[in-house]
């Protein structure tokens, strides 16, 4: 029987509930148990696909084409489990489904209400995910902060679900902040007490308290939290700030989080196998090399907008015992080529990530041109590939008016065009080419050597593609199309093999990278940059 663990957060937002949920998943997996994570987001958007990255960070895409919260990226990276559309639930999707049922008459004339109709729909999403994966443990994170009006239906739903599952089959973990007052040298427990009181006022008593803190929790404060929050002392778990998020599972294991949860759920304790993870963390904390990589995009003021790209670069660095420093380059600052050269002068490699819209495009084209002309290791992702093709068409093919139909409705040379199956699509939400698609690699190419296989599967999120009518001309001018869709119509990977590393892909490889299994394209980029740096020293 699947056991359920609900994770809530209080006091402040951005406490790291997602990392705690992902870390617990990792600890359970290290004991040989199967685990899935699920995220409940209280916002009314049906999914985050139409939301600005400035507001909500990146949109993480799953194999089955779901546009989800970035926490699913943490879940996948920590537990090495591919998740899907059942693993991210929003208020918008819940209300949409309930209203659809009401319109069809499914409720037989009943007055549709938050309780029981909305809460029943939420619970059905829990059951649906459990049925799909049939895991030993199902970890569910509730987005937002306790006290937010938006999250109340979710809190009520899990209160009901815990009661229905019965004692010993479901527990709640509440994540809080213990503020430290330097003037008095004290950790204050009162905000956490109030947060738990609010949660209890909704009928939900947490069994475990995970406390985010800068300092160790003294015995007296630990006892106070246990007393006033009605939990056992060993269930007050300290979670201090770490050098890397990948150290959190080891810290929580040391605090006994997983063992306490297993005991409460009546599940047999097993010896965890965390040796490979410990080696990974040791590499992260004790690098032997360093490298600086630029990310040239338009959402650089919020690093969460490119969080999977950042993590993928770091993963590739870990494999080489190298620390990766990120330099954020606003593509709008690179519209002037001299400014672009200055911005790129102190980096060892550059990534042009995905995105939408014309803002900053000319700057991205300059970044790509500089990388190509100066043999700066380069990786283009999604829009990064499209910009690569535009830059090559303009500056090598001499089609100076080459452009994308995304930026110009009637370009003279539309080297990037809207996909045929997208031309009659209405609306924006969930209508792009989404999810995993196969790609056939050309033997002997850089991409083929990096992957070591003939056919790969990667996740997509785009409406536009390389115009097939220009592929032969671009290829004759030296741009190698090393990856194509199975029907040979869609360009998936382009490269310039004469350079140390100049590769761009139409898909998003960052979604499949793991801390202990870096993605081949990111690994290739970092390897090339380190090799160049070593040559420079010699």
Protein backbone atom coordinates (compact mmCIF):
# COMPACT_ATOMS: atom_id res chain seq x y z
CA UNK A 1 0.00 0.00 0.00
CA UNK A 2 1.33 3.42 -0.95
CA UNK A 3 2.26 5.67 1.97
CA UNK A 4 1.67 9.42 1.65
CA UNK A 5 3.83 12.33 2.81
CA UNK A 6 2.45 15.88 2.52
CA UNK A 7 4.88 18.83 2.61
CA UNK A 8 3.68 22.33 3.49
CA UNK A 9 5.52 25.56 4.21
CA UNK A 10 5.03 28.48 6.57
CA UNK A 11 6.46 31.77 7.90
CA UNK A 12 7.88 32.91 4.52
CA UNK A 13 7.90 31.76 0.91
CA UNK A 14 10.94 30.33 -0.91
CA UNK A 15 11.95 28.21 2.09
CA UNK A 16 12.99 25.30 -0.09
CA UNK A 17 9.99 22.99 0.35
CA UNK A 18 10.72 21.57 -3.09
CA UNK A 19 14.30 20.72 -2.14
CA UNK A 20 13.11 19.12 1.11
CA UNK A 21 10.52 17.05 -0.78
CA UNK A 22 13.09 16.08 -3.42
CA UNK A 23 15.70 15.25 -0.76
CA UNK A 24 13.29 13.02 1.13
CA UNK A 25 12.53 11.29 -2.15
CA UNK A 26 16.26 10.73 -2.65
CA UNK A 27 16.66 9.28 0.86
CA UNK A 28 13.77 6.87 0.34
CA UNK A 29 15.17 5.84 -3.06
CA UNK A 30 18.57 5.23 -1.45
CA UNK A 31 16.84 2.65 0.75
CA UNK A 32 15.44 0.81 -2.26
CA UNK A 33 11.89 2.19 -2.08
CA UNK A 34 10.03 3.50 -5.13
CA UNK A 35 8.98 7.15 -4.89
CA UNK A 36 7.05 9.77 -6.84
CA UNK A 37 6.76 13.47 -6.13
CA UNK A 38 3.74 15.63 -6.90
CA UNK A 39 3.35 19.42 -6.74
CA UNK A 40 0.10 21.26 -6.00
CA UNK A 41 0.24 24.91 -7.12
CA UNK A 42 -2.56 27.22 -5.86
CA UNK A 43 -2.50 29.71 -8.75
CA UNK A 44 -5.43 29.92 -11.18
CA UNK A 45 -3.34 29.45 -14.33
CA UNK A 46 -4.06 26.01 -15.78
CA UNK A 47 -0.30 25.51 -16.03
CA UNK A 48 2.74 27.82 -15.89
CA UNK A 49 3.22 27.69 -19.67
CA UNK A 50 1.88 31.20 -20.30
CA UNK A 51 3.50 32.80 -17.26
CA UNK A 52 6.49 35.13 -17.49
CA UNK A 53 9.73 33.54 -16.26
CA UNK A 54 10.23 36.73 -14.24
CA UNK A 55 7.16 35.78 -12.19
CA UNK A 56 7.52 32.05 -11.82
CA UNK A 57 10.92 30.94 -13.07
CA UNK A 58 11.40 28.37 -15.81
CA UNK A 59 8.71 26.11 -17.20
CA UNK A 60 9.84 22.51 -16.78
CA UNK A 61 8.65 20.13 -19.51
CA UNK A 62 8.10 16.41 -18.97
CA UNK A 63 8.34 13.52 -21.44
CA UNK A 64 4.57 13.45 -21.91
CA UNK A 65 4.48 17.15 -22.80
CA UNK A 66 3.26 18.69 -19.55
CA UNK A 67 4.37 22.26 -18.82
CA UNK A 68 5.04 22.22 -15.11
CA UNK A 69 6.50 24.00 -12.11
CA UNK A 70 10.29 24.14 -11.84
CA UNK A 71 10.15 22.01 -8.66
CA UNK A 72 9.49 18.99 -10.88
CA UNK A 73 13.00 19.54 -12.21
CA UNK A 74 14.36 19.19 -8.66
CA UNK A 75 12.26 16.05 -8.14
CA UNK A 76 13.59 14.45 -11.31
CA UNK A 77 17.20 15.42 -10.67
CA UNK A 78 17.20 14.14 -7.07
CA UNK A 79 15.22 10.93 -7.54
CA UNK A 80 16.18 10.17 -11.16
CA UNK A 81 12.51 9.50 -11.92
CA UNK A 82 10.76 10.78 -15.05
CA UNK A 83 7.52 12.47 -14.05
CA UNK A 84 4.53 13.61 -16.11
CA UNK A 85 1.27 15.51 -16.34
CA UNK A 86 -0.15 13.86 -13.21
CA UNK A 87 2.70 15.24 -11.12
CA UNK A 88 1.78 18.93 -11.28
CA UNK A 89 -1.70 20.09 -10.28
CA UNK A 90 -2.87 23.71 -10.28
CA UNK A 91 -6.02 25.37 -8.98
CA UNK A 92 -6.72 26.37 -12.56
CA UNK A 93 -6.68 22.80 -13.83
CA UNK A 94 -8.85 21.64 -10.92
CA UNK A 95 -11.49 24.36 -11.33
CA UNK A 96 -11.45 23.91 -15.11
CA UNK A 97 -12.21 20.20 -14.75
CA UNK A 98 -14.97 20.76 -12.19
CA UNK A 99 -16.62 23.42 -14.37
CA UNK A 100 -16.42 21.11 -17.41
CA UNK A 101 -18.17 18.38 -15.40
CA UNK A 102 -20.81 20.83 -14.21
CA UNK A 103 -21.50 21.96 -17.80
CA UNK A 104 -21.97 18.34 -18.86
CA UNK A 105 -24.38 17.70 -16.00
CA UNK A 106 -22.13 15.25 -14.18
CA UNK A 107 -23.21 16.60 -10.78
CA UNK A 108 -26.88 15.81 -11.36
CA UNK A 109 -28.21 19.26 -10.49
CA UNK A 110 -26.21 19.63 -7.26
CA UNK A 111 -24.89 22.99 -6.12
CA UNK A 112 -21.20 22.84 -7.01
CA UNK A 113 -19.04 23.91 -4.06
CA UNK A 114 -15.43 23.96 -2.91
CA UNK A 115 -16.35 21.15 -0.52
CA UNK A 116 -16.88 18.46 -1.70
CA UNK A 117 -16.46 19.05 -5.46
CA UNK A 118 -13.17 20.95 -5.62
CA UNK A 119 -11.60 18.93 -2.81
CA UNK A 120 -12.78 15.66 -4.40
CA UNK A 121 -11.16 16.67 -7.69
CA UNK A 122 -7.90 17.44 -5.87
CA UNK A 123 -8.01 14.05 -4.15
CA UNK A 124 -8.67 12.37 -7.49
CA UNK A 125 -5.38 13.84 -8.78
CA UNK A 126 -3.57 12.21 -5.85
CA UNK A 127 -5.21 8.88 -6.64
CA UNK A 128 -4.50 9.27 -10.36
CA UNK A 129 -0.76 9.75 -9.82
CA UNK A 130 -0.64 6.85 -7.38
CA UNK A 131 -2.38 4.55 -9.86
CA UNK A 132 -0.07 5.56 -12.69
CA UNK A 133 3.17 4.88 -10.80
CA UNK A 134 2.08 2.58 -7.93
CA UNK A 135 4.97 3.75 -5.72
CA UNK A 136 5.89 2.77 -2.19
CA UNK A 137 5.85 6.45 -1.25
CA UNK A 138 3.95 9.39 -2.72
CA UNK A 139 5.35 12.80 -1.65
CA UNK A 140 3.06 15.78 -2.27
CA UNK A 141 4.22 19.38 -1.92
CA UNK A 142 1.66 22.15 -1.44
CA UNK A 143 2.84 25.39 -3.05
CA UNK A 144 2.55 28.76 -1.38
CA UNK A 145 2.68 29.61 2.32
CA UNK A 146 0.27 28.55 5.03
CA UNK A 147 -2.24 31.37 5.53
CA UNK A 148 -2.56 32.09 1.80
CA UNK A 149 -6.23 32.04 0.84
CA UNK A 150 -5.44 30.34 -2.49
CA UNK A 151 -4.09 27.15 -0.89
CA UNK A 152 -7.03 26.48 1.46
CA UNK A 153 -8.81 23.96 -0.82
CA UNK A 154 -5.60 21.95 -1.07
CA UNK A 155 -5.07 21.97 2.69
CA UNK A 156 -8.66 20.82 3.22
CA UNK A 157 -8.23 18.09 0.59
CA UNK A 158 -5.13 16.65 2.24
CA UNK A 159 -6.79 16.89 5.67
CA UNK A 160 -9.59 14.74 4.30
CA UNK A 161 -7.18 12.42 2.53
CA UNK A 162 -5.11 11.82 5.66
CA UNK A 163 -8.26 10.94 7.59
CA UNK A 164 -9.45 8.59 4.83
CA UNK A 165 -6.08 6.81 4.64
CA UNK A 166 -6.12 6.11 8.37
CA UNK A 167 -3.46 6.33 11.05
CA UNK A 168 0.03 5.34 9.92
CA UNK A 169 -0.60 5.69 6.20
CA UNK A 170 -0.10 9.44 5.74
CA UNK A 171 1.93 12.12 7.54
CA UNK A 172 2.53 15.85 7.15
CA UNK A 173 5.85 17.67 7.16
CA UNK A 174 5.77 21.41 7.78
CA UNK A 175 8.75 23.52 6.68
CA UNK A 176 9.32 26.75 8.59
CA UNK A 177 11.94 29.43 9.16
CA UNK A 178 13.72 30.10 12.43
CA UNK A 179 14.87 33.73 12.21
CA UNK A 180 18.21 34.55 13.83
CA UNK A 181 18.57 37.88 15.67
CA UNK A 182 22.27 38.86 15.67
CA UNK A 183 21.80 41.54 18.33
CA UNK A 184 20.59 39.04 20.92
CA UNK A 185 22.26 35.99 19.38
CA UNK A 186 18.97 34.06 19.42
CA UNK A 187 17.02 31.81 17.12
CA UNK A 188 13.34 32.72 17.44
CA UNK A 189 10.76 29.92 17.43
CA UNK A 190 7.60 32.03 17.74
CA UNK A 191 6.98 32.47 13.96
CA UNK A 192 7.12 28.68 13.54
CA UNK A 193 4.75 28.19 16.45
CA UNK A 194 2.27 30.62 14.88
CA UNK A 195 2.62 28.92 11.49
CA UNK A 196 1.82 25.53 12.99
CA UNK A 197 -1.13 27.05 14.87
CA UNK A 198 -2.54 28.37 11.58
CA UNK A 199 -2.10 24.92 10.01
CA UNK A 200 -3.81 23.27 12.97
CA UNK A 201 -6.68 25.74 12.73
CA UNK A 202 -7.34 24.20 9.30
CA UNK A 203 -7.49 20.76 10.89
CA UNK A 204 -4.02 19.59 9.87
CA UNK A 205 -1.52 18.59 12.54
CA UNK A 206 2.04 18.18 11.24
CA UNK A 207 3.98 15.16 12.48
CA UNK A 208 7.40 16.52 11.48
CA UNK A 209 8.83 20.04 11.54
CA UNK A 210 11.72 20.90 9.19
CA UNK A 211 13.30 24.17 10.32
CA UNK A 212 15.33 26.28 7.91
CA UNK A 213 18.01 27.98 9.97
CA UNK A 214 21.38 29.71 9.76
CA UNK A 215 22.51 28.37 13.13
CA UNK A 216 22.27 25.03 14.98
CA UNK A 217 19.05 24.70 16.98
CA UNK A 218 19.84 24.70 20.73
CA UNK A 219 18.29 21.97 22.87
CA UNK A 220 15.96 24.43 24.65
CA UNK A 221 14.55 25.79 21.36
CA UNK A 222 14.12 22.27 19.99
CA UNK A 223 12.19 21.26 23.11
CA UNK A 224 10.10 24.43 22.91
CA UNK A 225 9.13 23.70 19.29
CA UNK A 226 8.24 20.12 20.13
CA UNK A 227 6.11 21.20 23.11
CA UNK A 228 4.18 24.02 21.46
CA UNK A 229 3.78 22.28 18.08
CA UNK A 230 2.70 18.94 19.61
CA UNK A 231 5.39 16.84 17.96
CA UNK A 232 8.14 14.60 19.30
CA UNK A 233 11.61 16.08 19.85
CA UNK A 234 13.22 13.77 17.29
CA UNK A 235 10.73 15.11 14.72
CA UNK A 236 12.17 18.63 14.94
CA UNK A 237 14.57 18.52 11.99
CA UNK A 238 17.25 21.13 11.46
CA UNK A 239 17.89 22.23 7.88
CA UNK A 240 20.79 24.67 7.68
CA UNK A 241 21.92 26.62 4.63
CA UNK A 242 24.24 24.48 2.50
CA UNK A 243 26.95 25.22 -0.03
CA UNK A 244 25.02 23.20 -2.59
CA UNK A 245 21.44 21.92 -2.75
CA UNK A 246 22.82 18.42 -3.38
CA UNK A 247 24.19 18.40 0.17
CA UNK A 248 20.68 18.74 1.64
CA UNK A 249 19.77 15.01 1.45
CA UNK A 250 22.94 14.12 3.39
CA UNK A 251 22.20 16.80 6.02
CA UNK A 252 18.61 15.62 6.42
CA UNK A 253 19.80 12.02 6.67
CA UNK A 254 22.16 13.03 9.45
CA UNK A 255 19.21 14.68 11.22
CA UNK A 256 17.19 11.47 10.89
CA UNK A 257 14.33 12.82 8.74
CA UNK A 258 13.83 9.67 6.70
CA UNK A 259 14.10 7.32 9.67
CA UNK A 260 11.55 9.34 11.64
CA UNK A 261 9.14 9.34 8.67
CA UNK A 262 9.50 5.58 8.14
CA UNK A 263 8.85 4.91 11.84
CA UNK A 264 5.72 7.07 11.80
CA UNK A 265 4.46 5.30 8.69
CA UNK A 266 5.18 1.84 10.09
CA UNK A 267 7.61 0.99 7.30
CA UNK A 268 10.75 -1.06 7.79
CA UNK A 269 13.96 0.94 8.08
CA UNK A 270 16.69 -0.03 5.61
CA UNK A 271 20.32 0.93 5.40
CA UNK A 272 20.65 3.76 2.85
CA UNK A 273 23.18 3.52 0.04
CA UNK A 274 24.41 7.09 -0.35
CA UNK A 275 28.06 6.39 -1.25
CA UNK A 276 27.82 7.68 -4.82
CA UNK A 277 25.92 10.77 -3.62
CA UNK A 278 28.55 11.41 -0.95
CA UNK A 279 31.27 11.21 -3.62
CA UNK A 280 29.28 13.65 -5.76
CA UNK A 281 29.01 16.16 -2.91
CA UNK A 282 32.72 15.76 -2.16
CA UNK A 283 33.49 16.62 -5.79
CA UNK A 284 31.20 19.64 -5.62
CA UNK A 285 32.80 20.96 -2.44
CA UNK A 286 36.39 20.23 -3.47
CA UNK A 287 36.81 21.11 -7.15
CA UNK A 288 40.26 20.87 -8.74
CA UNK A 289 39.47 23.18 -11.65
CA UNK A 290 37.27 26.18 -12.37
CA UNK A 291 35.55 27.55 -15.44
CA UNK A 292 33.36 30.54 -16.26
CA UNK A 293 30.34 30.08 -18.53
CA UNK A 294 28.18 32.87 -19.88
CA UNK A 295 24.41 32.51 -20.25
CA UNK A 296 23.18 35.07 -22.78
CA UNK A 297 19.44 35.59 -22.46
CA UNK A 298 16.81 38.19 -21.63
CA UNK A 299 15.64 36.82 -18.25
CA UNK A 300 19.04 37.12 -16.58
CA UNK A 301 17.72 39.18 -13.63
CA UNK A 302 16.07 36.02 -12.27
CA UNK A 303 18.33 32.96 -12.24
CA UNK A 304 15.33 30.65 -11.70
CA UNK A 305 14.27 31.46 -15.28
CA UNK A 306 17.16 29.26 -16.44
CA UNK A 307 17.51 26.99 -13.41
CA UNK A 308 17.75 23.70 -15.35
CA UNK A 309 20.38 25.21 -17.66
CA UNK A 310 22.43 26.35 -14.66
CA UNK A 311 22.14 22.97 -12.95
CA UNK A 312 23.05 21.12 -16.17
CA UNK A 313 26.21 23.20 -16.56
CA UNK A 314 27.14 22.44 -12.97
CA UNK A 315 26.44 18.72 -13.47
CA UNK A 316 28.86 18.66 -16.39
CA UNK A 317 31.43 20.45 -14.25
CA UNK A 318 31.03 17.95 -11.40
CA UNK A 319 32.02 15.11 -13.75
CA UNK A 320 35.34 16.90 -14.36
CA UNK A 321 35.77 17.99 -10.71
CA UNK A 322 35.34 21.55 -11.94
CA UNK A 323 33.40 24.39 -10.38
CA UNK A 324 31.28 26.30 -12.89
CA UNK A 325 30.85 30.02 -12.37
CA UNK A 326 27.89 31.53 -14.20
CA UNK A 327 28.20 34.95 -15.80
CA UNK A 328 24.81 36.43 -16.63
CA UNK A 329 24.84 38.28 -19.93
CA UNK A 330 21.79 40.35 -20.83
CA UNK A 331 21.39 39.84 -24.58
CA UNK A 332 19.99 43.37 -24.91
CA UNK A 333 23.39 44.67 -23.80
CA UNK A 334 25.00 42.81 -26.70
CA UNK A 335 23.13 44.54 -29.54
CA UNK A 336 26.25 46.66 -30.04
CA UNK A 337 28.95 44.25 -31.27
CA UNK A 338 31.77 45.99 -29.38
CA UNK A 339 29.79 45.67 -26.15
CA UNK A 340 29.17 42.03 -27.01
CA UNK A 341 32.89 41.35 -27.44
CA UNK A 342 33.62 42.99 -24.11
CA UNK A 343 30.92 40.94 -22.35
CA UNK A 344 32.31 37.68 -23.74
CA UNK A 345 36.00 38.50 -23.28
CA UNK A 346 36.40 36.84 -19.87
CA UNK A 347 34.39 33.64 -20.28
CA UNK A 348 35.40 30.12 -21.29
CA UNK A 349 32.10 29.07 -22.93
CA UNK A 350 28.67 30.49 -23.70
CA UNK A 351 25.10 29.21 -23.79
CA UNK A 352 22.21 30.86 -25.63
CA UNK A 353 19.09 29.36 -23.99
CA UNK A 354 15.47 29.15 -25.08
CA UNK A 355 12.95 31.96 -24.99
CA UNK A 356 10.25 33.77 -26.93
CA UNK A 357 9.85 37.11 -28.67
CA UNK A 358 12.06 39.52 -30.56
CA UNK A 359 13.51 41.40 -27.56
CA UNK A 360 17.25 40.80 -27.29
CA UNK A 361 17.47 38.72 -30.47
CA UNK A 362 20.04 40.92 -32.21
CA UNK A 363 22.22 40.63 -29.13
CA UNK A 364 21.95 36.84 -29.21
CA UNK A 365 22.94 36.85 -32.88
CA UNK A 366 26.04 38.85 -31.98
CA UNK A 367 26.91 36.41 -29.19
CA UNK A 368 26.65 33.49 -31.60
CA UNK A 369 28.68 35.30 -34.26
CA UNK A 370 31.44 36.04 -31.77
CA UNK A 371 31.49 32.40 -30.58
CA UNK A 372 31.68 31.13 -34.17
CA UNK A 373 34.38 33.54 -35.29
CA UNK A 374 36.52 33.14 -32.16
CA UNK A 375 36.10 29.39 -31.52
CA UNK A 376 34.46 30.06 -28.15
CA UNK A 377 32.74 26.81 -27.04
CA UNK A 378 29.03 27.38 -27.68
CA UNK A 379 25.75 25.60 -27.00
CA UNK A 380 22.40 26.87 -28.34
CA UNK A 381 19.12 25.63 -26.89
CA UNK A 382 15.76 25.79 -28.73
CA UNK A 383 15.60 29.50 -29.69
CA UNK A 384 19.39 29.29 -29.48
CA UNK A 385 19.36 26.93 -32.48
CA UNK A 386 17.02 29.19 -34.43
CA UNK A 387 19.29 32.17 -33.75
CA UNK A 388 22.28 30.08 -34.82
CA UNK A 389 20.65 29.40 -38.18
CA UNK A 390 19.70 33.06 -38.66
CA UNK A 391 23.24 34.21 -37.80
CA UNK A 392 24.81 31.67 -40.17
CA UNK A 393 22.42 32.56 -42.98
CA UNK A 394 23.13 36.28 -42.59
CA UNK A 395 26.90 36.21 -42.12
CA UNK A 396 28.01 33.11 -44.03
CA UNK A 397 25.31 32.62 -46.69
CA UNK A 398 25.14 36.43 -46.98
CA UNK A 399 21.34 36.45 -46.74
CA UNK A 400 21.40 39.69 -44.78
CA UNK A 401 17.61 39.79 -44.49
CA UNK A 402 17.32 36.24 -43.11
CA UNK A 403 14.96 36.11 -40.16
CA UNK A 404 12.31 34.15 -38.30
CA UNK A 405 8.59 34.56 -38.87
CA UNK A 406 8.31 34.86 -35.13
CA UNK A 407 10.06 38.24 -35.35
CA UNK A 408 8.96 39.37 -38.81
CA UNK A 409 5.64 38.39 -40.43
CA UNK A 410 7.03 38.68 -43.96
CA UNK A 411 10.82 38.24 -44.03
CA UNK A 412 12.49 38.04 -47.45
CA UNK A 413 14.33 34.92 -46.33
CA UNK A 414 12.31 33.12 -43.63
CA UNK A 415 14.99 30.62 -42.57
CA UNK A 416 12.87 29.98 -39.45
CA UNK A 417 9.18 29.33 -40.04
CA UNK A 418 6.21 28.27 -37.96
CA UNK A 419 5.71 24.50 -37.88
CA UNK A 420 2.97 23.32 -40.22
CA UNK A 421 0.91 21.77 -37.43
CA UNK A 422 1.11 25.06 -35.49
CA UNK A 423 -0.23 27.39 -38.19
CA UNK A 424 -3.90 26.82 -37.39
CA UNK A 425 -3.53 26.53 -33.62
CA UNK A 426 -5.63 28.96 -31.59
CA UNK A 427 -4.63 30.04 -28.11
CA UNK A 428 -1.32 29.84 -26.30
CA UNK A 429 -1.67 27.48 -23.34
CA UNK A 430 -0.42 23.94 -23.95
CA UNK A 431 -0.51 24.26 -27.75
CA UNK A 432 3.19 24.14 -28.67
CA UNK A 433 5.16 21.10 -29.78
CA UNK A 434 5.68 19.66 -26.33
CA UNK A 435 7.36 16.63 -24.80
CA UNK A 436 9.70 13.88 -25.91
CA UNK A 437 10.37 13.19 -29.60
CA UNK A 438 12.94 10.95 -31.26
CA UNK A 439 15.92 12.35 -33.14
CA UNK A 440 18.18 10.45 -35.56
CA UNK A 441 21.86 11.34 -35.36
CA UNK A 442 24.24 11.47 -38.32
CA UNK A 443 27.14 9.10 -37.77
CA UNK A 444 30.58 10.61 -37.36
CA UNK A 445 29.27 13.99 -36.17
CA UNK A 446 30.11 15.72 -32.93
CA UNK A 447 26.58 15.05 -31.63
CA UNK A 448 26.78 11.35 -32.52
CA UNK A 449 30.09 10.98 -30.70
CA UNK A 450 28.74 12.84 -27.66
CA UNK A 451 25.64 10.64 -27.32
CA UNK A 452 27.27 7.40 -28.48
CA UNK A 453 24.03 6.22 -30.11
CA UNK A 454 22.09 6.56 -33.37
CA UNK A 455 18.66 7.52 -32.00
CA UNK A 456 17.94 9.75 -29.02
CA UNK A 457 14.79 11.09 -27.34
CA UNK A 458 14.64 14.69 -26.11
CA UNK A 459 12.02 17.09 -24.76
CA UNK A 460 10.70 19.97 -26.87
CA UNK A 461 8.84 23.24 -26.33
CA UNK A 462 8.53 25.36 -29.46
CA UNK A 463 6.30 26.53 -32.34
CA UNK A 464 8.95 27.44 -34.90
CA UNK A 465 11.46 25.34 -36.81
CA UNK A 466 14.23 25.61 -39.38
CA UNK A 467 12.58 26.17 -42.76
CA UNK A 468 13.22 22.93 -44.65
CA UNK A 469 13.61 24.86 -47.94
CA UNK A 470 16.86 26.39 -46.65
CA UNK A 471 18.48 23.28 -45.16
CA UNK A 472 20.38 22.25 -48.33
CA UNK A 473 21.73 25.77 -48.86
CA UNK A 474 22.86 26.04 -45.26
CA UNK A 475 24.46 22.60 -45.42
CA UNK A 476 26.33 23.46 -48.62
CA UNK A 477 27.70 26.51 -46.80
CA UNK A 478 29.16 24.28 -44.08
CA UNK A 479 26.48 24.07 -41.38
CA UNK A 480 26.17 20.39 -40.47
CA UNK A 481 22.69 19.09 -39.67
CA UNK A 482 23.73 16.29 -37.34
CA UNK A 483 20.31 15.51 -35.87
CA UNK A 484 17.00 15.25 -37.72
CA UNK A 485 13.48 14.11 -36.88
CA UNK A 486 12.62 10.54 -37.97
CA UNK A 487 10.89 11.84 -41.14
CA UNK A 488 13.95 13.94 -41.99
CA UNK A 489 11.95 17.19 -42.07
CA UNK A 490 12.77 18.86 -38.75
CA UNK A 491 16.30 20.02 -37.91
CA UNK A 492 17.06 18.93 -34.35
CA UNK A 493 20.82 19.57 -34.05
CA UNK A 494 23.24 21.72 -36.04
CA UNK A 495 27.00 21.96 -35.55
CA UNK A 496 30.28 23.26 -36.95
CA UNK A 497 32.67 20.32 -36.43
CA UNK A 498 35.77 22.33 -37.37
CA UNK A 499 35.38 24.31 -34.16
CA UNK A 500 36.18 22.86 -30.74
CA UNK A 501 32.49 22.85 -29.72
CA UNK A 502 29.79 24.67 -31.64
CA UNK A 503 26.48 22.84 -31.25
CA UNK A 504 22.86 23.98 -31.14
CA UNK A 505 19.73 21.90 -30.63
CA UNK A 506 16.01 22.52 -31.14
CA UNK A 507 15.11 20.62 -27.96
CA UNK A 508 15.82 21.28 -24.27
CA UNK A 509 18.57 18.89 -23.09
CA UNK A 510 18.68 20.64 -19.71
CA UNK A 511 15.50 18.83 -18.67
CA UNK A 512 17.20 15.41 -18.76
CA UNK A 513 20.48 16.17 -17.00
CA UNK A 514 21.18 14.61 -13.60
CA UNK A 515 23.84 15.63 -11.03
CA UNK A 516 25.56 12.25 -11.32
CA UNK A 517 24.70 11.76 -15.03
CA UNK A 518 25.37 15.01 -16.91
CA UNK A 519 23.74 15.49 -20.29
CA UNK A 520 26.11 14.69 -23.21
CA UNK A 521 25.72 18.11 -24.85
CA UNK A 522 26.51 20.03 -21.66
CA UNK A 523 29.35 17.60 -20.91
CA UNK A 524 30.76 18.22 -24.39
CA UNK A 525 30.60 21.98 -23.90
CA UNK A 526 32.39 21.91 -20.53
CA UNK A 527 34.98 19.37 -21.71
CA UNK A 528 35.84 21.55 -24.73
CA UNK A 529 36.10 24.68 -22.60
CA UNK A 530 38.34 22.99 -20.02
CA UNK A 531 40.54 21.60 -22.79
CA UNK A 532 40.91 25.06 -24.33
CA UNK A 533 41.70 26.56 -20.93
CA UNK A 534 44.36 23.93 -20.28
CA UNK A 535 45.93 24.57 -23.71
CA UNK A 536 46.03 28.27 -22.90
CA UNK A 537 47.92 27.56 -19.67
CA UNK A 538 50.41 25.37 -21.52
